Each structure stands twice: as structure tokens, then as C-alpha cells.
Amino acid sequence: MMQHCTPQQLAAALKTNTAWQLLDVREAWEYDIAHIENSILIPLGQLMGRLDELEVNQPYVVICHHGVRSMHACYVLERSGFEVINLMGGIDQWAKTIDPSMPLY
């Protein structure tokens, strides 16, 4: 069952929980515009071919622009044995509610 979190829940968790790894599945040009610090970039189209770069025992919060691509990525990752959480609203909601200095696009 796919888990979801809001930007507020993620921000609070990142202050106390260093176990979560952030996985951004947007394209490189999008990541260059705005991203959460220390996130790993693997575009959704490359994810299946790059699963070996991820730790199966590591929980991941998956991020995209609005939450749709990350939901697809979570589905792929869950079926491959990963523990994942989808960031609802993506980097767009993160920028609007957590980090207003982050550019919107």
C-alpha cells in the first residue's frame, strides 16, 4: 500500500529522521531549477535501469513536480521491494508551503 506525505509532514520528519533518503524523479533541467537539498536525481524514464543505484533497505521519499510521476515511481519501486513514500503536491507544494525562496516553474 503506497504511503503519502505532505510537504509539512516531510519537513517535520527531516528535522528528526535522518533515515529517509529523498529521490527526485524529475528531469535534470527541472532539478536544476529547484530541488530539496541532498536529494538523489534519477529521472523517471531512467528509473528501471538504475534501480541498482538504490539501497533496498533504505526508505525513500519520492519527489516530482506535482506528485504524478512520483506516484508512478513509487509503484515501480514498491514492486521492486523498496519502502517508499510519495510527496503529495511535489516540489511545487514544497516551494509554496515550506520554502518560498524556491523558484516555481
PDB file of N, CA and C in Angstrom:
ATOM      1  N   MET A   1       0.843  -1.188   0.000  1.00  0.00           N
ATOM      2  CA  MET A   1       0.000   0.000   0.000  1.00  0.00           C
ATOM      3  C   MET A   1       0.886   1.247   0.000  1.00  0.00           C
ATOM      4  N   MET A   2       0.735   2.049  -1.023  1.00  0.00           N
ATOM      5  CA  MET A   2       1.567   3.233  -1.151  1.00  0.00           C
ATOM      6  C   MET A   2       1.269   4.248  -0.040  1.00  0.00           C
ATOM      7  N   GLN A   3       2.347   4.747   0.540  1.00  0.00           N
ATOM      8  CA  GLN A   3       2.216   5.780   1.570  1.00  0.00           C
ATOM      9  C   GLN A   3       2.405   7.150   0.934  1.00  0.00           C
ATOM     10  N   HIS A   4       1.788   8.151   1.521  1.00  0.00           N
ATOM     11  CA  HIS A   4       1.903   9.527   1.052  1.00  0.00           C
ATOM     12  C   HIS A   4       2.241  10.419   2.231  1.00  0.00           C
ATOM     13  N   CYS A   5       2.908  11.541   1.952  1.00  0.00           N
ATOM     14  CA  CYS A   5       3.118  12.544   2.986  1.00  0.00           C
ATOM     15  C   CYS A   5       2.969  13.923   2.381  1.00  0.00           C
ATOM     16  N   THR A   6       2.614  14.873   3.200  1.00  0.00           N
ATOM     17  CA  THR A   6       2.506  16.262   2.768  1.00  0.00           C
ATOM     18  C   THR A   6       3.881  16.919   2.909  1.00  0.00           C
ATOM     19  N   PRO A   7       4.081  18.060   2.259  1.00  0.00           N
ATOM     20  CA  PRO A   7       5.336  18.778   2.461  1.00  0.00           C
ATOM     21  C   PRO A   7       5.582  19.105   3.941  1.00  0.00           C
ATOM     22  N   GLN A   8       4.528  19.436   4.664  1.00  0.00           N
ATOM     23  CA  GLN A   8       4.670  19.752   6.088  1.00  0.00           C
ATOM     24  C   GLN A   8       5.140  18.538   6.879  1.00  0.00           C
ATOM     25  N   GLN A   9       4.584  17.373   6.575  1.00  0.00           N
ATOM     26  CA  GLN A   9       4.996  16.141   7.254  1.00  0.00           C
ATOM     27  C   GLN A   9       6.448  15.807   6.934  1.00  0.00           C
ATOM     28  N   LEU A  10       6.842  16.001   5.672  1.00  0.00           N
ATOM     29  CA  LEU A  10       8.219  15.719   5.280  1.00  0.00           C
ATOM     30  C   LEU A  10       9.181  16.681   5.966  1.00  0.00           C
ATOM     31  N   ALA A  11       8.850  17.963   5.990  1.00  0.00           N
ATOM     32  CA  ALA A  11       9.726  18.954   6.628  1.00  0.00           C
ATOM     33  C   ALA A  11       9.934  18.609   8.099  1.00  0.00           C
ATOM     34  N   ALA A  12       8.849  18.237   8.789  1.00  0.00           N
ATOM     35  CA  ALA A  12       8.951  17.876  10.203  1.00  0.00           C
ATOM     36  C   ALA A  12       9.797  16.606  10.366  1.00  0.00           C
ATOM     37  N   ALA A  13       9.572  15.627   9.501  1.00  0.00           N
ATOM     38  CA  ALA A  13      10.300  14.363   9.603  1.00  0.00           C
ATOM     39  C   ALA A  13      11.786  14.557   9.319  1.00  0.00           C
ATOM     40  N   LEU A  14      12.128  15.417   8.377  1.00  0.00           N
ATOM     41  CA  LEU A  14      13.531  15.628   8.033  1.00  0.00           C
ATOM     42  C   LEU A  14      14.319  16.260   9.182  1.00  0.00           C
ATOM     43  N   LYS A  15      13.614  16.940  10.077  1.00  0.00           N
ATOM     44  CA  LYS A  15      14.283  17.539  11.242  1.00  0.00           C
ATOM     45  C   LYS A  15      14.678  16.488  12.270  1.00  0.00           C
ATOM     46  N   THR A  16      13.962  15.375  12.285  1.00  0.00           N
ATOM     47  CA  THR A  16      14.203  14.364  13.318  1.00  0.00           C
ATOM     48  C   THR A  16      14.637  13.011  12.761  1.00  0.00           C
ATOM     49  N   ASN A  17      14.314  12.736  11.496  1.00  0.00           N
ATOM     50  CA  ASN A  17      14.537  11.408  10.933  1.00  0.00           C
ATOM     51  C   ASN A  17      15.544  11.497   9.797  1.00  0.00           C
ATOM     52  N   THR A  18      16.759  11.075  10.047  1.00  0.00           N
ATOM     53  CA  THR A  18      17.775  11.121   9.002  1.00  0.00           C
ATOM     54  C   THR A  18      17.789   9.830   8.174  1.00  0.00           C
ATOM     55  N   ALA A  19      16.907   8.900   8.471  1.00  0.00           N
ATOM     56  CA  ALA A  19      16.882   7.624   7.744  1.00  0.00           C
ATOM     57  C   ALA A  19      16.305   7.789   6.336  1.00  0.00           C
ATOM     58  N   TRP A  20      15.424   8.758   6.157  1.00  0.00           N
ATOM     59  CA  TRP A  20      14.785   8.914   4.857  1.00  0.00           C
ATOM     60  C   TRP A  20      15.748   9.476   3.841  1.00  0.00           C
ATOM     61  N   GLN A  21      15.751   8.900   2.656  1.00  0.00           N
ATOM     62  CA  GLN A  21      16.512   9.420   1.526  1.00  0.00           C
ATOM     63  C   GLN A  21      15.514  10.025   0.545  1.00  0.00           C
ATOM     64  N   LEU A  22      15.861  11.164  -0.020  1.00  0.00           N
ATOM     65  CA  LEU A  22      14.978  11.822  -0.972  1.00  0.00           C
ATOM     66  C   LEU A  22      15.377  11.422  -2.388  1.00  0.00           C
ATOM     67  N   LEU A  23      14.407  10.958  -3.163  1.00  0.00           N
ATOM     68  CA  LEU A  23      14.629  10.545  -4.545  1.00  0.00           C
ATOM     69  C   LEU A  23      13.779  11.415  -5.454  1.00  0.00           C
ATOM     70  N   ASP A  24      14.425  12.219  -6.275  1.00  0.00           N
ATOM     71  CA  ASP A  24      13.736  13.124  -7.207  1.00  0.00           C
ATOM     72  C   ASP A  24      13.693  12.446  -8.566  1.00  0.00           C
ATOM     73  N   VAL A  25      12.488  12.303  -9.134  1.00  0.00           N
ATOM     74  CA  VAL A  25      12.340  11.597 -10.408  1.00  0.00           C
ATOM     75  C   VAL A  25      12.007  12.537 -11.565  1.00  0.00           C
ATOM     76  N   ARG A  26      12.253  13.835 -11.374  1.00  0.00           N
ATOM     77  CA  ARG A  26      12.040  14.795 -12.465  1.00  0.00           C
ATOM     78  C   ARG A  26      13.231  14.759 -13.419  1.00  0.00           C
ATOM     79  N   GLU A  27      13.141  15.539 -14.481  1.00  0.00           N
ATOM     80  CA  GLU A  27      14.237  15.653 -15.435  1.00  0.00           C
ATOM     81  C   GLU A  27      15.324  16.560 -14.862  1.00  0.00           C
ATOM     82  N   ALA A  28      16.537  16.425 -15.389  1.00  0.00           N
ATOM     83  CA  ALA A  28      17.679  17.185 -14.880  1.00  0.00           C
ATOM     84  C   ALA A  28      17.449  18.696 -14.962  1.00  0.00           C
ATOM     85  N   TRP A  29      16.810  19.169 -16.039  1.00  0.00           N
ATOM     86  CA  TRP A  29      16.580  20.607 -16.170  1.00  0.00           C
ATOM     87  C   TRP A  29      15.635  21.113 -15.077  1.00  0.00           C
ATOM     88  N   GLU A  30      14.679  20.280 -14.670  1.00  0.00           N
ATOM     89  CA  GLU A  30      13.754  20.663 -13.597  1.00  0.00           C
ATOM     90  C   GLU A  30      14.490  20.704 -12.262  1.00  0.00           C
ATOM     91  N   TYR A  31      15.317  19.692 -12.039  1.00  0.00           N
ATOM     92  CA  TYR A  31      16.109  19.601 -10.813  1.00  0.00           C
ATOM     93  C   TYR A  31      17.018  20.818 -10.690  1.00  0.00           C
ATOM     94  N   ASP A  32      17.585  21.270 -11.823  1.00  0.00           N
ATOM     95  CA  ASP A  32      18.461  22.442 -11.819  1.00  0.00           C
ATOM     96  C   ASP A  32      17.724  23.708 -11.391  1.00  0.00           C
ATOM     97  N   ILE A  33      16.432  23.788 -11.680  1.00  0.00           N
ATOM     98  CA  ILE A  33      15.631  24.962 -11.298  1.00  0.00           C
ATOM     99  C   ILE A  33      15.382  24.968  -9.792  1.00  0.00           C
ATOM    100  N   ALA A  34      14.990  23.832  -9.254  1.00  0.00           N
ATOM    101  CA  ALA A  34      14.634  23.755  -7.836  1.00  0.00           C
ATOM    102  C   ALA A  34      14.698  22.313  -7.375  1.00  0.00           C
ATOM    103  N   HIS A  35      15.315  22.086  -6.226  1.00  0.00           N
ATOM    104  CA  HIS A  35      15.325  20.749  -5.624  1.00  0.00           C
ATOM    105  C   HIS A  35      15.563  20.874  -4.124  1.00  0.00           C
ATOM    106  N   ILE A  36      15.222  19.814  -3.415  1.00  0.00           N
ATOM    107  CA  ILE A  36      15.456  19.764  -1.978  1.00  0.00           C
ATOM    108  C   ILE A  36      16.882  19.265  -1.768  1.00  0.00           C
ATOM    109  N   GLU A  37      17.589  19.934  -0.899  1.00  0.00           N
ATOM    110  CA  GLU A  37      18.988  19.610  -0.638  1.00  0.00           C
ATOM    111  C   GLU A  37      19.174  18.130  -0.294  1.00  0.00           C
ATOM    112  N   ASN A  38      20.251  17.560  -0.800  1.00  0.00           N
ATOM    113  CA  ASN A  38      20.635  16.165  -0.564  1.00  0.00           C
ATOM    114  C   ASN A  38      19.734  15.136  -1.238  1.00  0.00           C
ATOM    115  N   SER A  39      18.889  15.563  -2.177  1.00  0.00           N
ATOM    116  CA  SER A  39      18.065  14.587  -2.890  1.00  0.00           C
ATOM    117  C   SER A  39      18.870  13.972  -4.037  1.00  0.00           C
ATOM    118  N   ILE A  40      18.547  12.729  -4.346  1.00  0.00           N
ATOM    119  CA  ILE A  40      19.175  11.992  -5.452  1.00  0.00           C
ATOM    120  C   ILE A  40      18.297  12.198  -6.680  1.00  0.00           C
ATOM    121  N   LEU A  41      18.921  12.479  -7.815  1.00  0.00           N
ATOM    122  CA  LEU A  41      18.168  12.641  -9.059  1.00  0.00           C
ATOM    123  C   LEU A  41      18.298  11.389  -9.917  1.00  0.00           C
ATOM    124  N   ILE A  42      17.165  10.736 -10.164  1.00  0.00           N
ATOM    125  CA  ILE A  42      17.073   9.671 -11.168  1.00  0.00           C
ATOM    126  C   ILE A  42      15.753   9.910 -11.903  1.00  0.00           C
ATOM    127  N   PRO A  43      15.810  10.492 -13.111  1.00  0.00           N
ATOM    128  CA  PRO A  43      14.572  10.748 -13.852  1.00  0.00           C
ATOM    129  C   PRO A  43      13.734   9.482 -14.024  1.00  0.00           C
ATOM    130  N   LEU A  44      12.427   9.646 -13.988  1.00  0.00           N
ATOM    131  CA  LEU A  44      11.504   8.509 -14.042  1.00  0.00           C
ATOM    132  C   LEU A  44      11.806   7.584 -15.223  1.00  0.00           C
ATOM    133  N   GLY A  45      12.113   8.148 -16.383  1.00  0.00           N
ATOM    134  CA  GLY A  45      12.394   7.332 -17.566  1.00  0.00           C
ATOM    135  C   GLY A  45      13.636   6.474 -17.434  1.00  0.00           C
ATOM    136  N   GLN A  46      14.508   6.793 -16.485  1.00  0.00           N
ATOM    137  CA  GLN A  46      15.732   6.028 -16.273  1.00  0.00           C
ATOM    138  C   GLN A  46      15.646   5.097 -15.055  1.00  0.00           C
ATOM    139  N   LEU A  47      14.567   5.193 -14.307  1.00  0.00           N
ATOM    140  CA  LEU A  47      14.484   4.519 -13.008  1.00  0.00           C
ATOM    141  C   LEU A  47      14.686   3.009 -13.096  1.00  0.00           C
ATOM    142  N   MET A  48      13.983   2.340 -14.001  1.00  0.00           N
ATOM    143  CA  MET A  48      14.090   0.874 -14.088  1.00  0.00           C
ATOM    144  C   MET A  48      15.524   0.430 -14.357  1.00  0.00           C
ATOM    145  N   GLY A  49      16.248   1.167 -15.162  1.00  0.00           N
ATOM    146  CA  GLY A  49      17.614   0.801 -15.494  1.00  0.00           C
ATOM    147  C   GLY A  49      18.638   1.191 -14.444  1.00  0.00           C
ATOM    148  N   ARG A  50      18.200   1.928 -13.430  1.00  0.00           N
ATOM    149  CA  ARG A  50      19.146   2.413 -12.417  1.00  0.00           C
ATOM    150  C   ARG A  50      18.772   1.975 -10.995  1.00  0.00           C
ATOM    151  N   LEU A  51      17.906   0.989 -10.863  1.00  0.00           N
ATOM    152  CA  LEU A  51      17.499   0.515  -9.540  1.00  0.00           C
ATOM    153  C   LEU A  51      18.685   0.047  -8.709  1.00  0.00           C
ATOM    154  N   ASP A  52      19.723  -0.445  -9.383  1.00  0.00           N
ATOM    155  CA  ASP A  52      20.891  -0.948  -8.656  1.00  0.00           C
ATOM    156  C   ASP A  52      21.668   0.170  -7.953  1.00  0.00           C
ATOM    157  N   GLU A  53      21.353   1.431  -8.258  1.00  0.00           N
ATOM    158  CA  GLU A  53      21.995   2.565  -7.583  1.00  0.00           C
ATOM    159  C   GLU A  53      21.333   2.874  -6.236  1.00  0.00           C
ATOM    160  N   LEU A  54      20.192   2.242  -5.988  1.00  0.00           N
ATOM    161  CA  LEU A  54      19.431   2.496  -4.759  1.00  0.00           C
ATOM    162  C   LEU A  54      19.593   1.344  -3.777  1.00  0.00           C
ATOM    163  N   GLU A  55      19.515   1.664  -2.493  1.00  0.00           N
ATOM    164  CA  GLU A  55      19.617   0.662  -1.422  1.00  0.00           C
ATOM    165  C   GLU A  55      18.223   0.128  -1.091  1.00  0.00           C
ATOM    166  N   VAL A  56      18.023  -1.172  -1.224  1.00  0.00           N
ATOM    167  CA  VAL A  56      16.706  -1.759  -0.954  1.00  0.00           C
ATOM    168  C   VAL A  56      16.283  -1.554   0.493  1.00  0.00           C
ATOM    169  N   ASN A  57      17.231  -1.542   1.431  1.00  0.00           N
ATOM    170  CA  ASN A  57      16.898  -1.403   2.848  1.00  0.00           C
ATOM    171  C   ASN A  57      16.717   0.047   3.286  1.00  0.00           C
ATOM    172  N   GLN A  58      16.815   0.983   2.344  1.00  0.00           N
ATOM    173  CA  GLN A  58      16.716   2.412   2.632  1.00  0.00           C
ATOM    174  C   GLN A  58      15.309   2.902   2.291  1.00  0.00           C
ATOM    175  N   PRO A  59      14.597   3.564   3.215  1.00  0.00           N
ATOM    176  CA  PRO A  59      13.300   4.142   2.844  1.00  0.00           C
ATOM    177  C   PRO A  59      13.503   5.419   2.013  1.00  0.00           C
ATOM    178  N   TYR A  60      12.676   5.578   0.983  1.00  0.00           N
ATOM    179  CA  TYR A  60      12.783   6.730   0.083  1.00  0.00           C
ATOM    180  C   TYR A  60      11.498   7.548   0.076  1.00  0.00           C
ATOM    181  N   VAL A  61      11.658   8.867   0.086  1.00  0.00           N
ATOM    182  CA  VAL A  61      10.554   9.783  -0.200  1.00  0.00           C
ATOM    183  C   VAL A  61      10.763  10.202  -1.645  1.00  0.00           C
ATOM    184  N   VAL A  62       9.762   9.955  -2.484  1.00  0.00           N
ATOM    185  CA  VAL A  62       9.889  10.188  -3.917  1.00  0.00           C
ATOM    186  C   VAL A  62       9.204  11.502  -4.279  1.00  0.00           C
ATOM    187  N   ILE A  63       9.935  12.316  -5.066  1.00  0.00           N
ATOM    188  CA  ILE A  63       9.532  13.689  -5.365  1.00  0.00           C
ATOM    189  C   ILE A  63       9.492  13.910  -6.875  1.00  0.00           C
ATOM    190  N   CYS A  64       8.481  14.653  -7.337  1.00  0.00           N
ATOM    191  CA  CYS A  64       8.458  15.130  -8.716  1.00  0.00           C
ATOM    192  C   CYS A  64       7.900  16.555  -8.697  1.00  0.00           C
ATOM    193  N   HIS A  65       7.330  17.012  -9.809  1.00  0.00           N
ATOM    194  CA  HIS A  65       6.843  18.394  -9.866  1.00  0.00           C
ATOM    195  C   HIS A  65       5.532  18.562  -9.094  1.00  0.00           C
ATOM    196  N   HIS A  66       4.523  17.723  -9.406  1.00  0.00           N
ATOM    197  CA  HIS A  66       3.216  17.840  -8.755  1.00  0.00           C
ATOM    198  C   HIS A  66       2.752  16.574  -8.038  1.00  0.00           C
ATOM    199  N   GLY A  67       3.497  15.477  -8.151  1.00  0.00           N
ATOM    200  CA  GLY A  67       3.129  14.256  -7.439  1.00  0.00           C
ATOM    201  C   GLY A  67       2.670  13.102  -8.306  1.00  0.00           C
ATOM    202  N   VAL A  68       2.550  13.320  -9.626  1.00  0.00           N
ATOM    203  CA  VAL A  68       2.068  12.249 -10.506  1.00  0.00           C
ATOM    204  C   VAL A  68       3.207  11.303 -10.898  1.00  0.00           C
ATOM    205  N   ARG A  69       4.310  11.844 -11.395  1.00  0.00           N
ATOM    206  CA  ARG A  69       5.444  10.986 -11.759  1.00  0.00           C
ATOM    207  C   ARG A  69       5.978  10.247 -10.536  1.00  0.00           C
ATOM    208  N   SER A  70       5.992  10.917  -9.392  1.00  0.00           N
ATOM    209  CA  SER A  70       6.493  10.248  -8.187  1.00  0.00           C
ATOM    210  C   SER A  70       5.584   9.086  -7.786  1.00  0.00           C
ATOM    211  N   MET A  71       4.282   9.224  -8.040  1.00  0.00           N
ATOM    212  CA  MET A  71       3.373   8.123  -7.750  1.00  0.00           C
ATOM    213  C   MET A  71       3.698   6.922  -8.643  1.00  0.00           C
ATOM    214  N   HIS A  72       3.972   7.173  -9.923  1.00  0.00           N
ATOM    215  CA  HIS A  72       4.369   6.095 -10.833  1.00  0.00           C
ATOM    216  C   HIS A  72       5.677   5.468 -10.357  1.00  0.00           C
ATOM    217  N   ALA A  73       6.627   6.303  -9.961  1.00  0.00           N
ATOM    218  CA  ALA A  73       7.916   5.803  -9.476  1.00  0.00           C
ATOM    219  C   ALA A  73       7.727   4.958  -8.223  1.00  0.00           C
ATOM    220  N   CYS A  74       6.865   5.394  -7.323  1.00  0.00           N
ATOM    221  CA  CYS A  74       6.597   4.626  -6.096  1.00  0.00           C
ATOM    222  C   CYS A  74       6.048   3.252  -6.434  1.00  0.00           C
ATOM    223  N   TYR A  75       5.166   3.190  -7.417  1.00  0.00           N
ATOM    224  CA  TYR A  75       4.601   1.909  -7.832  1.00  0.00           C
ATOM    225  C   TYR A  75       5.711   0.966  -8.311  1.00  0.00           C
ATOM    226  N   VAL A  76       6.591   1.485  -9.177  1.00  0.00           N
ATOM    227  CA  VAL A  76       7.716   0.695  -9.700  1.00  0.00           C
ATOM    228  C   VAL A  76       8.619   0.243  -8.553  1.00  0.00           C
ATOM    229  N   LEU A  77       8.953   1.168  -7.670  1.00  0.00           N
ATOM    230  CA  LEU A  77       9.871   0.864  -6.567  1.00  0.00           C
ATOM    231  C   LEU A  77       9.267  -0.138  -5.582  1.00  0.00           C
ATOM    232  N   GLU A  78       7.989   0.032  -5.250  1.00  0.00           N
ATOM    233  CA  GLU A  78       7.328  -0.921  -4.341  1.00  0.00           C
ATOM    234  C   GLU A  78       7.350  -2.323  -4.918  1.00  0.00           C
ATOM    235  N   ARG A  79       7.091  -2.448  -6.207  1.00  0.00           N
ATOM    236  CA  ARG A  79       7.083  -3.763  -6.856  1.00  0.00           C
ATOM    237  C   ARG A  79       8.476  -4.374  -6.903  1.00  0.00           C
ATOM    238  N   SER A  80       9.494  -3.525  -6.724  1.00  0.00           N
ATOM    239  CA  SER A  80      10.875  -3.999  -6.711  1.00  0.00           C
ATOM    240  C   SER A  80      11.407  -4.176  -5.293  1.00  0.00           C
ATOM    241  N   GLY A  81      10.520  -4.059  -4.287  1.00  0.00           N
ATOM    242  CA  GLY A  81      10.903  -4.349  -2.916  1.00  0.00           C
ATOM    243  C   GLY A  81      11.349  -3.164  -2.080  1.00  0.00           C
ATOM    244  N   PHE A  82      11.169  -1.941  -2.581  1.00  0.00           N
ATOM    245  CA  PHE A  82      11.582  -0.746  -1.842  1.00  0.00           C
ATOM    246  C   PHE A  82      10.452  -0.224  -0.960  1.00  0.00           C
ATOM    247  N   GLU A  83      10.839   0.412   0.148  1.00  0.00           N
ATOM    248  CA  GLU A  83       9.885   1.122   1.006  1.00  0.00           C
ATOM    249  C   GLU A  83       9.871   2.572   0.542  1.00  0.00           C
ATOM    250  N   VAL A  84       8.700   3.038   0.095  1.00  0.00           N
ATOM    251  CA  VAL A  84       8.617   4.374  -0.494  1.00  0.00           C
ATOM    252  C   VAL A  84       7.449   5.178   0.053  1.00  0.00           C
ATOM    253  N   ILE A  85       7.612   6.489  -0.007  1.00  0.00           N
ATOM    254  CA  ILE A  85       6.564   7.438   0.385  1.00  0.00           C
ATOM    255  C   ILE A  85       6.504   8.482  -0.714  1.00  0.00           C
ATOM    256  N   ASN A  86       5.314   8.767  -1.200  1.00  0.00           N
ATOM    257  CA  ASN A  86       5.111   9.759  -2.249  1.00  0.00           C
ATOM    258  C   ASN A  86       4.888  11.140  -1.624  1.00  0.00           C
ATOM    259  N   LEU A  87       5.645  12.143  -2.086  1.00  0.00           N
ATOM    260  CA  LEU A  87       5.424  13.516  -1.616  1.00  0.00           C
ATOM    261  C   LEU A  87       4.255  14.116  -2.376  1.00  0.00           C
ATOM    262  N   MET A  88       3.143  14.326  -1.681  1.00  0.00           N
ATOM    263  CA  MET A  88       1.939  14.879  -2.296  1.00  0.00           C
ATOM    264  C   MET A  88       2.180  16.335  -2.717  1.00  0.00           C
ATOM    265  N   GLY A  89       1.800  16.657  -3.937  1.00  0.00           N
ATOM    266  CA  GLY A  89       1.951  18.015  -4.440  1.00  0.00           C
ATOM    267  C   GLY A  89       3.338  18.327  -4.964  1.00  0.00           C
ATOM    268  N   GLY A  90       4.274  17.400  -4.750  1.00  0.00           N
ATOM    269  CA  GLY A  90       5.615  17.528  -5.296  1.00  0.00           C
ATOM    270  C   GLY A  90       6.387  18.759  -4.858  1.00  0.00           C
ATOM    271  N   ILE A  91       7.403  19.075  -5.657  1.00  0.00           N
ATOM    272  CA  ILE A  91       8.283  20.198  -5.355  1.00  0.00           C
ATOM    273  C   ILE A  91       7.511  21.515  -5.433  1.00  0.00           C
ATOM    274  N   ASP A  92       6.442  21.536  -6.223  1.00  0.00           N
ATOM    275  CA  ASP A  92       5.614  22.736  -6.342  1.00  0.00           C
ATOM    276  C   ASP A  92       4.994  23.100  -4.991  1.00  0.00           C
ATOM    277  N   GLN A  93       4.390  22.115  -4.318  1.00  0.00           N
ATOM    278  CA  GLN A  93       3.793  22.378  -3.000  1.00  0.00           C
ATOM    279  C   GLN A  93       4.862  22.633  -1.945  1.00  0.00           C
ATOM    280  N   TRP A  94       6.008  21.960  -2.068  1.00  0.00           N
ATOM    281  CA  TRP A  94       7.117  22.198  -1.142  1.00  0.00           C
ATOM    282  C   TRP A  94       7.518  23.668  -1.213  1.00  0.00           C
ATOM    283  N   ALA A  95       7.680  24.173  -2.437  1.00  0.00           N
ATOM    284  CA  ALA A  95       8.085  25.571  -2.623  1.00  0.00           C
ATOM    285  C   ALA A  95       7.026  26.532  -2.090  1.00  0.00           C
ATOM    286  N   LYS A  96       5.769  26.212  -2.303  1.00  0.00           N
ATOM    287  CA  LYS A  96       4.678  27.107  -1.883  1.00  0.00           C
ATOM    288  C   LYS A  96       4.461  27.103  -0.370  1.00  0.00           C
ATOM    289  N   THR A  97       4.718  25.964   0.285  1.00  0.00           N
ATOM    290  CA  THR A  97       4.368  25.872   1.703  1.00  0.00           C
ATOM    291  C   THR A  97       5.564  25.795   2.647  1.00  0.00           C
ATOM    292  N   ILE A  98       6.712  25.335   2.177  1.00  0.00           N
ATOM    293  CA  ILE A  98       7.867  25.123   3.061  1.00  0.00           C
ATOM    294  C   ILE A  98       9.002  26.082   2.728  1.00  0.00           C
ATOM    295  N   ASP A  99       9.331  26.237   1.466  1.00  0.00           N
ATOM    296  CA  ASP A  99      10.489  27.040   1.056  1.00  0.00           C
ATOM    297  C   ASP A  99      10.107  28.062  -0.002  1.00  0.00           C
ATOM    298  N   PRO A 100       9.548  29.197   0.424  1.00  0.00           N
ATOM    299  CA  PRO A 100       9.091  30.199  -0.542  1.00  0.00           C
ATOM    300  C   PRO A 100      10.224  30.844  -1.353  1.00  0.00           C
ATOM    301  N   SER A 101      11.479  30.615  -0.970  1.00  0.00           N
ATOM    302  CA  SER A 101      12.585  31.148  -1.763  1.00  0.00           C
ATOM    303  C   SER A 101      12.867  30.280  -2.990  1.00  0.00           C
ATOM    304  N   MET A 102      12.278  29.091  -3.032  1.00  0.00           N
ATOM    305  CA  MET A 102      12.491  28.159  -4.141  1.00  0.00           C
ATOM    306  C   MET A 102      11.712  28.620  -5.367  1.00  0.00           C
ATOM    307  N   PRO A 103      12.360  28.640  -6.546  1.00  0.00           N
ATOM    308  CA  PRO A 103      11.665  29.063  -7.755  1.00  0.00           C
ATOM    309  C   PRO A 103      10.535  28.110  -8.132  1.00  0.00           C
ATOM    310  N   LEU A 104       9.457  28.678  -8.645  1.00  0.00           N
ATOM    311  CA  LEU A 104       8.354  27.891  -9.187  1.00  0.00           C
ATOM    312  C   LEU A 104       8.518  27.831 -10.698  1.00  0.00           C
ATOM    313  N   TYR A 105       8.037  26.786 -11.298  1.00  0.00           N
ATOM    314  CA  TYR A 105       8.085  26.695 -12.763  1.00  0.00           C
ATOM    315  C   TYR A 105       6.872  25.948 -13.266  1.00  0.00           C
TER     316      TYR A 105
END
